[in-house]
Protein backbone atom coordinates (compact mmCIF):
# COMPACT_ATOMS: atom_id res chain seq x y z
CA MET A 1 19.53 -137.78 89.01
CA GLN A 2 17.71 -134.32 86.94
CA TYR A 3 18.55 -135.63 84.11
CA SER A 4 16.47 -138.92 85.30
CA LYS A 5 13.42 -136.70 86.53
CA PHE A 6 12.99 -134.91 83.52
CA VAL A 7 13.43 -138.13 80.78
CA ILE A 8 10.84 -139.72 83.79
CA SER A 9 8.26 -135.95 83.08
CA THR A 10 8.75 -135.45 79.54
CA SER A 11 7.73 -140.20 78.70
CA VAL A 12 5.15 -140.51 80.84
CA LEU A 13 3.97 -136.49 79.79
CA PHE A 14 4.33 -138.20 76.14
CA ALA A 15 2.11 -141.13 76.60
CA PHE A 16 -0.22 -139.12 78.91
CA VAL A 17 -0.36 -136.27 75.39
CA THR A 18 -0.60 -139.76 72.77
CA ALA A 19 -3.23 -141.73 74.53
CA CYS A 20 -6.05 -138.83 74.51
CA GLY A 21 -4.51 -138.17 71.32
CA GLY A 22 -6.76 -134.23 69.78
CA SER A 23 -4.25 -131.69 68.84
CA ALA A 24 -1.69 -132.61 70.95
CA VAL A 25 0.94 -130.66 73.80
CA PRO A 26 3.99 -131.02 70.61
CA LEU A 27 6.75 -132.85 72.69
CA ASP A 28 9.76 -130.37 71.78
CA LYS A 29 8.79 -127.47 72.72
CA LEU A 30 8.73 -128.93 76.00
CA THR A 31 11.68 -130.75 75.13
CA ASP A 32 13.29 -127.25 74.91
CA ALA A 33 11.87 -125.37 77.46
CA LYS A 34 13.01 -127.59 79.96
CA ALA A 35 16.65 -127.31 78.69
CA THR A 36 16.11 -124.30 78.25
CA VAL A 37 15.56 -123.79 81.80
CA ARG A 38 18.17 -126.78 82.73
CA ALA A 39 20.78 -124.56 80.09
CA ALA A 40 19.47 -121.00 82.71
CA GLN A 41 20.61 -122.93 86.00
CA GLU A 42 23.88 -124.12 85.02
CA ALA A 43 24.99 -120.26 83.18
CA GLY A 44 24.31 -119.00 86.97
CA ALA A 45 20.60 -117.58 86.45
CA GLU A 46 19.69 -117.38 90.21
CA SER A 47 22.44 -115.52 91.14
CA THR A 48 21.02 -112.24 89.03
CA PRO A 49 18.19 -111.31 90.10
CA GLN A 50 16.04 -110.51 86.02
CA ALA A 51 17.44 -113.88 85.46
CA ALA A 52 17.00 -115.79 88.49
CA LEU A 53 12.85 -113.63 88.30
CA HIS A 54 12.52 -114.68 84.23
CA LEU A 55 13.89 -117.96 85.76
CA LYS A 56 10.50 -118.75 88.19
CA MET A 57 8.74 -117.32 85.92
CA ALA A 58 9.22 -120.42 82.70
CA ASN A 59 9.09 -122.98 85.44
CA ASP A 60 5.71 -121.65 86.43
CA GLU A 61 4.47 -120.94 82.78
CA LEU A 62 5.86 -125.34 82.51
CA ALA A 63 4.32 -126.09 85.94
CA SER A 64 0.45 -124.27 84.72
CA ALA A 65 1.45 -125.45 80.82
CA GLN A 66 1.93 -129.31 82.25
CA LYS A 67 -1.74 -128.57 84.28
CA SER A 68 -4.16 -126.90 81.05
CA SER A 69 -2.68 -130.35 79.79
CA ASP A 70 -3.97 -132.23 81.83
CA ASP A 71 -6.98 -131.04 81.76
CA LYS A 72 -7.15 -131.74 78.23
CA ASP A 73 -6.79 -127.76 77.61
CA ASN A 74 -3.70 -128.11 75.21
CA ASP A 75 -4.86 -125.33 73.09
CA ARG A 76 -3.49 -123.53 76.69
CA ALA A 77 -0.84 -125.56 77.14
CA VAL A 78 1.03 -124.59 74.01
CA LEU A 79 0.96 -120.77 75.01
CA LEU A 80 2.49 -121.77 77.60
CA LEU A 81 5.02 -123.53 76.53
CA ASN A 82 5.63 -120.67 74.14
CA GLN A 83 6.10 -118.02 77.47
CA ALA A 84 7.79 -120.43 78.94
CA GLN A 85 10.15 -121.45 76.28
CA SER A 86 10.65 -117.25 75.65
CA ASP A 87 11.05 -116.53 79.32
CA ALA A 88 13.42 -119.23 79.89
CA ASP A 89 15.77 -118.00 76.88
CA LEU A 90 15.57 -114.30 78.07
CA SER A 91 16.64 -115.91 81.36
CA LEU A 92 19.60 -116.98 79.74
CA ALA A 93 20.43 -114.53 78.36
CA LEU A 94 20.48 -112.40 81.60
CA ALA A 95 22.89 -115.14 83.00
CA ARG A 96 25.38 -115.21 79.96
CA GLY A 97 25.77 -111.48 80.41
CA THR A 98 26.02 -111.26 83.82
CA ALA A 99 29.14 -113.32 83.09
CA GLU A 100 30.42 -112.50 80.81
CA LYS A 101 30.34 -108.69 82.44
CA GLN A 102 31.64 -110.04 85.09
CA GLN A 103 34.83 -111.53 82.60
CA ALA A 104 35.63 -108.76 81.02
CA GLN A 105 35.57 -106.65 84.06
CA GLN A 106 38.76 -109.08 85.18
CA ALA A 107 39.87 -109.17 82.26
CA GLN A 108 40.32 -105.43 82.36
CA ALA A 109 41.65 -105.30 86.26
CA LYS A 110 44.50 -107.43 84.55
CA ILE A 111 44.61 -105.09 81.55
CA ASP A 112 44.83 -102.60 84.28
CA GLY A 113 47.84 -103.97 86.72
CA LEU A 114 49.74 -104.31 83.54
CA LEU A 115 49.40 -101.47 82.69
CA LYS A 116 50.50 -100.10 86.28
CA GLN A 117 53.45 -102.01 86.16
CA ALA A 118 55.00 -100.83 82.48
CA GLN A 119 54.85 -96.96 84.04
C-alpha cells in the first residue's frame, strides 16, 4: 500500500516537473530520499530517539521540497531534497547502529552465560 502511494506521488511529481520545464527537480534525488526514509523506518528508526528525530526532519524536508517544487522554486526544492537525504541517511545509520549494539549485547550475554557454565 505504501509502495503504491510512493509510486503514484513520484509519478505525479515527475509529470508536474516535466510539464513545467525549467530547471527541474531531479527525480532521482526525490526517489533516493524517499527510499532512504523508508529504509530507516524499516530499520526501526522510530524506536531510537536520535534516529526518530532525524527521520522526522527528513520527512519535513521532503514535504517542504514538494511545496517548493509546487511553487516552482526548484533550486530550493533541490536543496531541501539534499538535506532530506542527509537526515534520512543519518537516521538509517543511527537505527542500524542501535540494532547492532543490541545484537552485540545479546551475544556478549550468551558468552558470559557459557563462561559461567564452564566454570
